[in-house]
C-alpha atoms as a PDB file:
ATOM      1  CA  UNK A   1      14.081 141.439 -81.815  1.00  0.00           C
ATOM      2  CA  UNK A   2      10.978 141.409 -84.078  1.00  0.00           C
ATOM      3  CA  UNK A   3      10.714 143.383 -87.413  1.00  0.00           C
ATOM      4  CA  UNK A   4       8.202 146.306 -87.745  1.00  0.00           C
ATOM      5  CA  UNK A   5       5.718 144.106 -89.586  1.00  0.00           C
ATOM      6  CA  UNK A   6       5.672 141.310 -86.816  1.00  0.00           C
ATOM      7  CA  UNK A   7       4.835 143.932 -83.837  1.00  0.00           C
ATOM      8  CA  UNK A   8       1.277 143.927 -84.455  1.00  0.00           C
ATOM      9  CA  UNK A   9      -0.848 143.303 -81.595  1.00  0.00           C
ATOM     10  CA  UNK A  10      -2.814 139.935 -81.053  1.00  0.00           C
ATOM     11  CA  UNK A  11      -5.422 140.228 -78.582  1.00  0.00           C
ATOM     12  CA  UNK A  12      -5.898 137.031 -76.701  1.00  0.00           C
ATOM     13  CA  UNK A  13      -8.938 134.968 -76.453  1.00  0.00           C
ATOM     14  CA  UNK A  14     -11.182 135.343 -74.421  1.00  0.00           C
ATOM     15  CA  UNK A  15     -10.617 138.557 -72.851  1.00  0.00           C
ATOM     16  CA  UNK A  16     -13.622 139.202 -70.960  1.00  0.00           C
ATOM     17  CA  UNK A  17     -14.565 143.213 -70.539  1.00  0.00           C
ATOM     18  CA  UNK A  18     -16.536 144.260 -66.711  1.00  0.00           C
ATOM     19  CA  UNK A  19     -17.687 147.694 -65.861  1.00  0.00           C
ATOM     20  CA  UNK A  20     -15.683 148.796 -62.928  1.00  0.00           C
ATOM     21  CA  UNK A  21     -17.727 149.816 -59.967  1.00  0.00           C
ATOM     22  CA  UNK A  22     -16.140 152.586 -57.647  1.00  0.00           C
ATOM     23  CA  UNK A  23     -16.890 152.178 -53.425  1.00  0.00           C
ATOM     24  CA  UNK A  24     -16.207 154.835 -51.761  1.00  0.00           C
ATOM     25  CA  UNK A  25     -14.485 154.161 -47.878  1.00  0.00           C
ATOM     26  CA  UNK A  26     -15.421 156.548 -45.349  1.00  0.00           C
ATOM     27  CA  UNK A  27     -13.593 156.277 -42.263  1.00  0.00           C
ATOM     28  CA  UNK A  28     -13.705 158.080 -39.230  1.00  0.00           C
ATOM     29  CA  UNK A  29      -9.849 158.290 -37.479  1.00  0.00           C
ATOM     30  CA  UNK A  30      -6.728 156.443 -38.427  1.00  0.00           C
ATOM     31  CA  UNK A  31      -5.766 153.097 -36.873  1.00  0.00           C
ATOM     32  CA  UNK A  32      -2.641 152.651 -35.458  1.00  0.00           C
ATOM     33  CA  UNK A  33      -0.865 149.518 -36.282  1.00  0.00           C
ATOM     34  CA  UNK A  34      -0.020 147.271 -33.555  1.00  0.00           C
ATOM     35  CA  UNK A  35       3.421 145.509 -34.132  1.00  0.00           C
ATOM     36  CA  UNK A  36       3.297 142.872 -31.615  1.00  0.00           C
ATOM     37  CA  UNK A  37       0.386 141.597 -32.910  1.00  0.00           C
ATOM     38  CA  UNK A  38       0.552 142.581 -36.126  1.00  0.00           C
ATOM     39  CA  UNK A  39      -3.209 144.114 -36.605  1.00  0.00           C
ATOM     40  CA  UNK A  40      -4.884 147.808 -36.553  1.00  0.00           C
ATOM     41  CA  UNK A  41      -6.098 149.522 -33.168  1.00  0.00           C
ATOM     42  CA  UNK A  42      -9.173 151.381 -33.548  1.00  0.00           C
ATOM     43  CA  UNK A  43      -8.974 155.050 -33.579  1.00  0.00           C
ATOM     44  CA  UNK A  44      -8.757 156.830 -30.114  1.00  0.00           C
ATOM     45  CA  UNK A  45     -10.624 160.094 -30.910  1.00  0.00           C
ATOM     46  CA  UNK A  46     -10.792 163.199 -28.955  1.00  0.00           C
ATOM     47  CA  UNK A  47     -13.048 166.306 -29.375  1.00  0.00           C
ATOM     48  CA  UNK A  48     -11.726 166.150 -32.992  1.00  0.00           C
ATOM     49  CA  UNK A  49     -12.720 164.067 -35.425  1.00  0.00           C
ATOM     50  CA  UNK A  50     -10.504 163.118 -38.752  1.00  0.00           C
ATOM     51  CA  UNK A  51     -12.331 162.254 -41.786  1.00  0.00           C
ATOM     52  CA  UNK A  52     -10.629 160.643 -44.832  1.00  0.00           C
ATOM     53  CA  UNK A  53     -11.794 159.169 -47.836  1.00  0.00           C
ATOM     54  CA  UNK A  54     -10.275 157.009 -50.065  1.00  0.00           C
ATOM     55  CA  UNK A  55     -11.723 155.414 -53.479  1.00  0.00           C
ATOM     56  CA  UNK A  56     -11.240 151.899 -54.515  1.00  0.00           C
ATOM     57  CA  UNK A  57     -12.036 150.251 -57.768  1.00  0.00           C
ATOM     58  CA  UNK A  58     -13.157 147.065 -58.103  1.00  0.00           C
ATOM     59  CA  UNK A  59     -12.766 145.262 -61.084  1.00  0.00           C
ATOM     60  CA  UNK A  60     -15.069 141.737 -62.078  1.00  0.00           C
ATOM     61  CA  UNK A  61     -12.660 138.859 -63.788  1.00  0.00           C
ATOM     62  CA  UNK A  62     -13.324 135.756 -65.524  1.00  0.00           C
ATOM     63  CA  UNK A  63     -12.548 133.801 -62.575  1.00  0.00           C
ATOM     64  CA  UNK A  64     -16.026 134.160 -60.625  1.00  0.00           C
ATOM     65  CA  UNK A  65     -13.874 133.686 -57.200  1.00  0.00           C
ATOM     66  CA  UNK A  66     -11.898 136.477 -57.721  1.00  0.00           C
ATOM     67  CA  UNK A  67     -12.069 140.250 -57.721  1.00  0.00           C
ATOM     68  CA  UNK A  68      -9.454 143.085 -58.868  1.00  0.00           C
ATOM     69  CA  UNK A  69      -9.242 145.722 -56.509  1.00  0.00           C
ATOM     70  CA  UNK A  70      -7.569 148.758 -57.749  1.00  0.00           C
ATOM     71  CA  UNK A  71      -6.441 151.248 -54.708  1.00  0.00           C
ATOM     72  CA  UNK A  72      -5.367 154.033 -56.823  1.00  0.00           C
ATOM     73  CA  UNK A  73      -1.779 154.109 -55.806  1.00  0.00           C
ATOM     74  CA  UNK A  74       1.138 151.897 -56.725  1.00  0.00           C
ATOM     75  CA  UNK A  75       1.336 148.250 -55.294  1.00  0.00           C
ATOM     76  CA  UNK A  76       4.510 147.149 -57.099  1.00  0.00           C
ATOM     77  CA  UNK A  77       7.229 148.868 -59.953  1.00  0.00           C
ATOM     78  CA  UNK A  78       6.124 147.950 -63.048  1.00  0.00           C
ATOM     79  CA  UNK A  79       5.308 145.114 -65.026  1.00  0.00           C
ATOM     80  CA  UNK A  80       6.252 143.015 -61.613  1.00  0.00           C
ATOM     81  CA  UNK A  81       3.780 140.400 -59.850  1.00  0.00           C
ATOM     82  CA  UNK A  82       3.510 138.477 -56.418  1.00  0.00           C
ATOM     83  CA  UNK A  83       1.469 135.296 -56.147  1.00  0.00           C
ATOM     84  CA  UNK A  84       0.688 134.248 -52.673  1.00  0.00           C
ATOM     85  CA  UNK A  85      -1.623 130.883 -53.075  1.00  0.00           C
ATOM     86  CA  UNK A  86      -1.695 130.732 -49.519  1.00  0.00           C
ATOM     87  CA  UNK A  87      -0.947 132.075 -46.233  1.00  0.00           C
ATOM     88  CA  UNK A  88       2.464 130.542 -45.869  1.00  0.00           C
ATOM     89  CA  UNK A  89       3.977 132.291 -48.885  1.00  0.00           C
ATOM     90  CA  UNK A  90       2.578 135.568 -47.727  1.00  0.00           C
ATOM     91  CA  UNK A  91       4.997 135.785 -44.718  1.00  0.00           C
ATOM     92  CA  UNK A  92       7.134 137.796 -47.085  1.00  0.00           C
ATOM     93  CA  UNK A  93       4.060 140.394 -47.278  1.00  0.00           C
ATOM     94  CA  UNK A  94       2.035 142.464 -44.084  1.00  0.00           C
ATOM     95  CA  UNK A  95      -0.419 142.938 -46.474  1.00  0.00           C
ATOM     96  CA  UNK A  96      -1.153 139.563 -47.812  1.00  0.00           C
ATOM     97  CA  UNK A  97      -0.941 138.041 -44.235  1.00  0.00           C
ATOM     98  CA  UNK A  98      -3.290 140.776 -42.785  1.00  0.00           C
ATOM     99  CA  UNK A  99      -5.767 139.909 -46.261  1.00  0.00           C
ATOM    100  CA  UNK A 100      -5.351 136.279 -45.548  1.00  0.00           C
ATOM    101  CA  UNK A 101      -7.153 137.245 -41.895  1.00  0.00           C
ATOM    102  CA  UNK A 102     -10.152 137.800 -43.675  1.00  0.00           C
ATOM    103  CA  UNK A 103     -12.438 134.584 -43.258  1.00  0.00           C
ATOM    104  CA  UNK A 104     -13.249 133.080 -47.245  1.00  0.00           C
ATOM    105  CA  UNK A 105      -9.995 134.020 -48.505  1.00  0.00           C
ATOM    106  CA  UNK A 106      -8.418 132.167 -50.424  1.00  0.00           C
ATOM    107  CA  UNK A 107      -5.628 133.382 -52.673  1.00  0.00           C
ATOM    108  CA  UNK A 108      -4.062 136.937 -52.602  1.00  0.00           C
ATOM    109  CA  UNK A 109      -2.087 138.491 -55.744  1.00  0.00           C
ATOM    110  CA  UNK A 110      -0.304 141.479 -56.423  1.00  0.00           C
ATOM    111  CA  UNK A 111       0.370 143.319 -59.574  1.00  0.00           C
ATOM    112  CA  UNK A 112       1.559 146.760 -60.668  1.00  0.00           C
ATOM    113  CA  UNK A 113      -1.411 148.749 -59.598  1.00  0.00           C
ATOM    114  CA  UNK A 114      -3.737 146.114 -57.858  1.00  0.00           C
ATOM    115  CA  UNK A 115      -4.413 143.479 -55.993  1.00  0.00           C
ATOM    116  CA  UNK A 116      -6.707 140.155 -56.755  1.00  0.00           C
ATOM    117  CA  UNK A 117      -8.277 138.244 -54.015  1.00  0.00           C
ATOM    118  CA  UNK A 118      -9.532 135.271 -54.748  1.00  0.00           C
ATOM    119  CA  UNK A 119     -12.225 133.458 -52.226  1.00  0.00           C
ATOM    120  CA  UNK A 120     -12.790 129.786 -50.933  1.00  0.00           C
ATOM    121  CA  UNK A 121     -15.859 128.876 -53.009  1.00  0.00           C
ATOM    122  CA  UNK A 122     -19.102 130.269 -54.553  1.00  0.00           C
ATOM    123  CA  UNK A 123     -20.557 130.050 -50.667  1.00  0.00           C
ATOM    124  CA  UNK A 124     -18.718 133.168 -50.232  1.00  0.00           C
ATOM    125  CA  UNK A 125     -20.214 136.235 -50.937  1.00  0.00           C
ATOM    126  CA  UNK A 126     -18.650 139.316 -51.828  1.00  0.00           C
ATOM    127  CA  UNK A 127     -20.719 141.416 -50.478  1.00  0.00           C
ATOM    128  CA  UNK A 128     -19.809 139.628 -46.644  1.00  0.00           C
ATOM    129  CA  UNK A 129     -16.187 140.180 -47.012  1.00  0.00           C
ATOM    130  CA  UNK A 130     -15.737 143.421 -49.775  1.00  0.00           C
ATOM    131  CA  UNK A 131     -16.193 145.563 -46.878  1.00  0.00           C
ATOM    132  CA  UNK A 132     -13.407 144.010 -44.842  1.00  0.00           C
ATOM    133  CA  UNK A 133     -11.203 143.618 -47.700  1.00  0.00           C
ATOM    134  CA  UNK A 134     -12.004 147.422 -48.379  1.00  0.00           C
ATOM    135  CA  UNK A 135     -10.824 148.682 -44.832  1.00  0.00           C
ATOM    136  CA  UNK A 136      -8.032 146.271 -44.716  1.00  0.00           C
ATOM    137  CA  UNK A 137      -6.410 147.857 -47.906  1.00  0.00           C
ATOM    138  CA  UNK A 138      -6.893 151.435 -47.133  1.00  0.00           C
ATOM    139  CA  UNK A 139      -5.478 151.188 -43.518  1.00  0.00           C
ATOM    140  CA  UNK A 140      -2.775 148.977 -44.710  1.00  0.00           C
ATOM    141  CA  UNK A 141      -1.623 152.052 -47.231  1.00  0.00           C
ATOM    142  CA  UNK A 142      -2.190 155.047 -44.697  1.00  0.00           C
ATOM    143  CA  UNK A 143       0.010 152.762 -42.448  1.00  0.00           C
ATOM    144  CA  UNK A 144       3.162 153.239 -44.149  1.00  0.00           C
ATOM    145  CA  UNK A 145       4.679 149.457 -43.940  1.00  0.00           C
ATOM    146  CA  UNK A 146       6.556 148.238 -46.555  1.00  0.00           C
ATOM    147  CA  UNK A 147       4.063 145.854 -49.074  1.00  0.00           C
ATOM    148  CA  UNK A 148       7.148 143.088 -49.308  1.00  0.00           C
ATOM    149  CA  UNK A 149      10.283 142.266 -46.866  1.00  0.00           C
ATOM    150  CA  UNK A 150      13.197 140.863 -48.222  1.00  0.00           C
ATOM    151  CA  UNK A 151      11.658 139.325 -51.186  1.00  0.00           C
ATOM    152  CA  UNK A 152      12.253 139.930 -54.924  1.00  0.00           C
ATOM    153  CA  UNK A 153       9.068 140.314 -57.545  1.00  0.00           C
ATOM    154  CA  UNK A 154       8.393 137.678 -60.058  1.00  0.00           C
ATOM    155  CA  UNK A 155      11.615 137.932 -62.484  1.00  0.00           C
ATOM    156  CA  UNK A 156      10.733 134.920 -64.320  1.00  0.00           C
ATOM    157  CA  UNK A 157      10.949 136.854 -68.369  1.00  0.00           C
ATOM    158  CA  UNK A 158      13.863 138.267 -67.673  1.00  0.00           C
ATOM    159  CA  UNK A 159      16.199 137.624 -70.238  1.00  0.00           C
ATOM    160  CA  UNK A 160      19.640 135.863 -68.583  1.00  0.00           C
ATOM    161  CA  UNK A 161      23.140 135.368 -70.804  1.00  0.00           C
ATOM    162  CA  UNK A 162      22.645 131.948 -71.548  1.00  0.00           C
ATOM    163  CA  UNK A 163      19.135 131.851 -73.091  1.00  0.00           C
ATOM    164  CA  UNK A 164      19.213 131.041 -76.745  1.00  0.00           C
ATOM    165  CA  UNK A 165      17.663 132.830 -79.273  1.00  0.00           C
ATOM    166  CA  UNK A 166      14.396 130.727 -79.133  1.00  0.00           C
ATOM    167  CA  UNK A 167      13.737 131.366 -75.013  1.00  0.00           C
ATOM    168  CA  UNK A 168      14.573 135.284 -75.458  1.00  0.00           C
ATOM    169  CA  UNK A 169      11.950 135.454 -78.288  1.00  0.00           C
ATOM    170  CA  UNK A 170       9.713 133.520 -75.841  1.00  0.00           C
ATOM    171  CA  UNK A 171      10.401 135.488 -72.746  1.00  0.00           C
ATOM    172  CA  UNK A 172       9.995 138.813 -74.968  1.00  0.00           C
ATOM    173  CA  UNK A 173       6.472 137.903 -76.367  1.00  0.00           C
ATOM    174  CA  UNK A 174       5.613 137.110 -73.014  1.00  0.00           C
ATOM    175  CA  UNK A 175       6.803 140.196 -71.143  1.00  0.00           C
ATOM    176  CA  UNK A 176       5.192 142.758 -74.048  1.00  0.00           C
ATOM    177  CA  UNK A 177       2.080 141.079 -75.435  1.00  0.00           C
ATOM    178  CA  UNK A 178       0.588 138.356 -73.563  1.00  0.00           C
ATOM    179  CA  UNK A 179       1.753 139.451 -69.647  1.00  0.00           C
ATOM    180  CA  UNK A 180      -0.021 142.954 -70.108  1.00  0.00           C
ATOM    181  CA  UNK A 181      -3.312 141.422 -71.157  1.00  0.00           C
ATOM    182  CA  UNK A 182      -3.710 138.711 -68.943  1.00  0.00           C
ATOM    183  CA  UNK A 183      -2.681 141.317 -65.862  1.00  0.00           C
ATOM    184  CA  UNK A 184      -5.981 143.237 -66.905  1.00  0.00           C
ATOM    185  CA  UNK A 185      -8.095 140.615 -65.939  1.00  0.00           C
ATOM    186  CA  UNK A 186      -6.341 140.130 -62.581  1.00  0.00           C
ATOM    187  CA  UNK A 187      -3.937 137.271 -63.258  1.00  0.00           C
ATOM    188  CA  UNK A 188      -0.435 136.862 -64.388  1.00  0.00           C
ATOM    189  CA  UNK A 189       1.413 133.857 -66.220  1.00  0.00           C
ATOM    190  CA  UNK A 190       4.872 132.585 -64.977  1.00  0.00           C
ATOM    191  CA  UNK A 191       7.481 131.107 -67.742  1.00  0.00           C
ATOM    192  CA  UNK A 192       8.797 127.749 -66.083  1.00  0.00           C
ATOM    193  CA  UNK A 193      11.000 126.668 -69.052  1.00  0.00           C
ATOM    194  CA  UNK A 194      11.080 125.198 -72.537  1.00  0.00           C
ATOM    195  CA  UNK A 195      11.723 122.066 -73.352  1.00  0.00           C
ATOM    196  CA  UNK A 196      11.382 119.690 -76.416  1.00  0.00           C
ATOM    197  CA  UNK A 197       9.037 122.586 -78.060  1.00  0.00           C
ATOM    198  CA  UNK A 198       6.743 123.097 -74.922  1.00  0.00           C
ATOM    199  CA  UNK A 199       6.392 125.934 -73.413  1.00  0.00           C
ATOM    200  CA  UNK A 200       6.264 125.488 -69.689  1.00  0.00           C
ATOM    201  CA  UNK A 201       3.904 128.716 -67.819  1.00  0.00           C
ATOM    202  CA  UNK A 202       1.757 128.498 -64.414  1.00  0.00           C
ATOM    203  CA  UNK A 203      -1.089 130.319 -64.128  1.00  0.00           C
ATOM    204  CA  UNK A 204      -1.275 133.000 -61.282  1.00  0.00           C
ATOM    205  CA  UNK A 205      -3.862 135.466 -59.767  1.00  0.00           C
ATOM    206  CA  UNK A 206      -7.187 135.047 -61.241  1.00  0.00           C
ATOM    207  CA  UNK A 207      -5.923 132.571 -63.811  1.00  0.00           C
ATOM    208  CA  UNK A 208      -5.477 129.905 -60.897  1.00  0.00           C
ATOM    209  CA  UNK A 209      -8.405 127.608 -61.489  1.00  0.00           C
ATOM    210  CA  UNK A 210     -10.596 129.584 -64.054  1.00  0.00           C
ATOM    211  CA  UNK A 211     -12.856 128.538 -66.279  1.00  0.00           C
ATOM    212  CA  UNK A 212     -11.631 130.325 -69.196  1.00  0.00           C
ATOM    213  CA  UNK A 213      -7.818 129.616 -68.453  1.00  0.00           C
ATOM    214  CA  UNK A 214      -7.562 126.406 -70.388  1.00  0.00           C
ATOM    215  CA  UNK A 215      -9.340 128.582 -73.903  1.00  0.00           C
ATOM    216  CA  UNK A 216      -6.679 131.407 -73.065  1.00  0.00           C
ATOM    217  CA  UNK A 217      -3.750 128.874 -72.691  1.00  0.00           C
ATOM    218  CA  UNK A 218      -4.691 127.275 -75.726  1.00  0.00           C
ATOM    219  CA  UNK A 219      -6.745 129.881 -77.928  1.00  0.00           C
ATOM    220  CA  UNK A 220      -4.470 132.914 -76.884  1.00  0.00           C
ATOM    221  CA  UNK A 221      -0.978 132.240 -75.925  1.00  0.00           C
ATOM    222  CA  UNK A 222      -0.633 129.351 -77.587  1.00  0.00           C
ATOM    223  CA  UNK A 223      -1.501 130.730 -80.625  1.00  0.00           C
ATOM    224  CA  UNK A 224       0.409 133.570 -80.648  1.00  0.00           C
ATOM    225  CA  UNK A 225       3.900 132.033 -79.269  1.00  0.00           C
ATOM    226  CA  UNK A 226       3.300 129.481 -82.677  1.00  0.00           C
ATOM    227  CA  UNK A 227       2.828 132.020 -84.756  1.00  0.00           C
ATOM    228  CA  UNK A 228       5.969 133.802 -83.954  1.00  0.00           C
ATOM    229  CA  UNK A 229       7.933 131.154 -83.378  1.00  0.00           C
ATOM    230  CA  UNK A 230       7.750 128.100 -85.146  1.00  0.00           C
ATOM    231  CA  UNK A 231       9.750 126.123 -82.942  1.00  0.00           C
ATOM    232  CA  UNK A 232       7.029 126.310 -80.343  1.00  0.00           C
ATOM    233  CA  UNK A 233       5.070 122.861 -80.992  1.00  0.00           C
ATOM    234  CA  UNK A 234       2.500 123.385 -77.711  1.00  0.00           C
ATOM    235  CA  UNK A 235       1.704 125.156 -74.490  1.00  0.00           C
ATOM    236  CA  UNK A 236       1.642 123.179 -71.169  1.00  0.00           C
ATOM    237  CA  UNK A 237       0.293 124.856 -67.655  1.00  0.00           C
ATOM    238  CA  UNK A 238       1.967 123.370 -64.907  1.00  0.00           C
ATOM    239  CA  UNK A 239       1.994 123.483 -61.088  1.00  0.00           C
ATOM    240  CA  UNK A 240       5.208 123.749 -59.083  1.00  0.00           C
ATOM    241  CA  UNK A 241       5.953 121.230 -56.355  1.00  0.00           C
ATOM    242  CA  UNK A 242       5.004 124.135 -53.498  1.00  0.00           C
ATOM    243  CA  UNK A 243       1.223 125.117 -55.093  1.00  0.00           C
ATOM    244  CA  UNK A 244       0.645 121.025 -55.474  1.00  0.00           C
ATOM    245  CA  UNK A 245       1.460 120.910 -51.727  1.00  0.00           C
ATOM    246  CA  UNK A 246      -0.403 123.647 -50.934  1.00  0.00           C
ATOM    247  CA  UNK A 247      -3.624 122.547 -53.225  1.00  0.00           C
ATOM    248  CA  UNK A 248      -3.413 119.093 -51.329  1.00  0.00           C
ATOM    249  CA  UNK A 249      -3.031 120.388 -47.605  1.00  0.00           C
ATOM    250  CA  UNK A 250      -6.080 122.825 -48.740  1.00  0.00           C
ATOM    251  CA  UNK A 251      -8.386 120.093 -49.883  1.00  0.00           C
ATOM    252  CA  UNK A 252      -7.491 117.938 -47.040  1.00  0.00           C
ATOM    253  CA  UNK A 253      -8.793 121.290 -44.382  1.00  0.00           C
ATOM    254  CA  UNK A 254     -11.943 121.262 -46.620  1.00  0.00           C
ATOM    255  CA  UNK A 255     -12.410 117.437 -46.555  1.00  0.00           C
ATOM    256  CA  UNK A 256     -12.210 117.427 -42.701  1.00  0.00           C
ATOM    257  CA  UNK A 257     -14.399 120.730 -42.365  1.00  0.00           C
ATOM    258  CA  UNK A 258     -16.998 118.757 -44.465  1.00  0.00           C
ATOM    259  CA  UNK A 259     -16.635 115.445 -41.962  1.00  0.00           C
ATOM    260  CA  UNK A 260     -17.382 117.551 -38.291  1.00  0.00           C
ATOM    261  CA  UNK A 261     -19.663 119.321 -40.414  1.00  0.00           C
ATOM    262  CA  UNK A 262     -21.667 115.600 -40.955  1.00  0.00           C
ATOM    263  CA  UNK A 263     -20.876 115.140 -37.750  1.00  0.00           C
ATOM    264  CA  UNK A 264     -22.734 117.626 -35.933  1.00  0.00           C
ATOM    265  CA  UNK A 265     -25.981 117.343 -38.419  1.00  0.00           C
ATOM    266  CA  UNK A 266     -25.865 113.803 -37.030  1.00  0.00           C
ATOM    267  CA  UNK A 267     -26.302 114.902 -33.471  1.00  0.00           C
END
């Protein structure tokens, strides 16, 4: 769709690169999956102990509250992603449900070869919850359970028969130039529509509430789309109805917890 001269690569700004840290998980025995309670049971060992090692890489993201976990194996198919902004949406994924059971986890995001976990706030320390996240991921991949249950990953940039030429070009740019770069930082963007010259996108994974997401949206994505497609007048970040409701309920719960803490401190 694009000429050879226009297919040059343009990097998004800002793209913050961090050094990967490698953590070794040394597990003794293999924990069994309890279908009834949806949890892993501690291993029952006889005279012989089975030792299994697994290496999981962790990579920082521009969002200090999000951390990217690379289990060294395929999570989803190439270019596929799944966003779980709350426990309610995690019902379609056994792995996401297990990660949400860890105290301090706010959101989970799956990429082709990574898992992004977002913690509640700065008060929750990564050094406290990382070991449990490591163990949960390791146990899950050892169990052989499916990552998703009767649900299809994100396919918003799939070109449809009724898409006009401009929409097709927008989707191709998002899919081939923009999305791979955003996924490197543990997030993704979802295409929600094109109306009156405005491309509507939803930020996902580490990009959600990221301090640099606005700059990435305007200085990176918007500039690239306008450079190749004159019909694009701007880019707008929007939230779907489910995300708005989830955010409202989460803030409501936070207020209640703070009120309870104040009442306890007065006693």
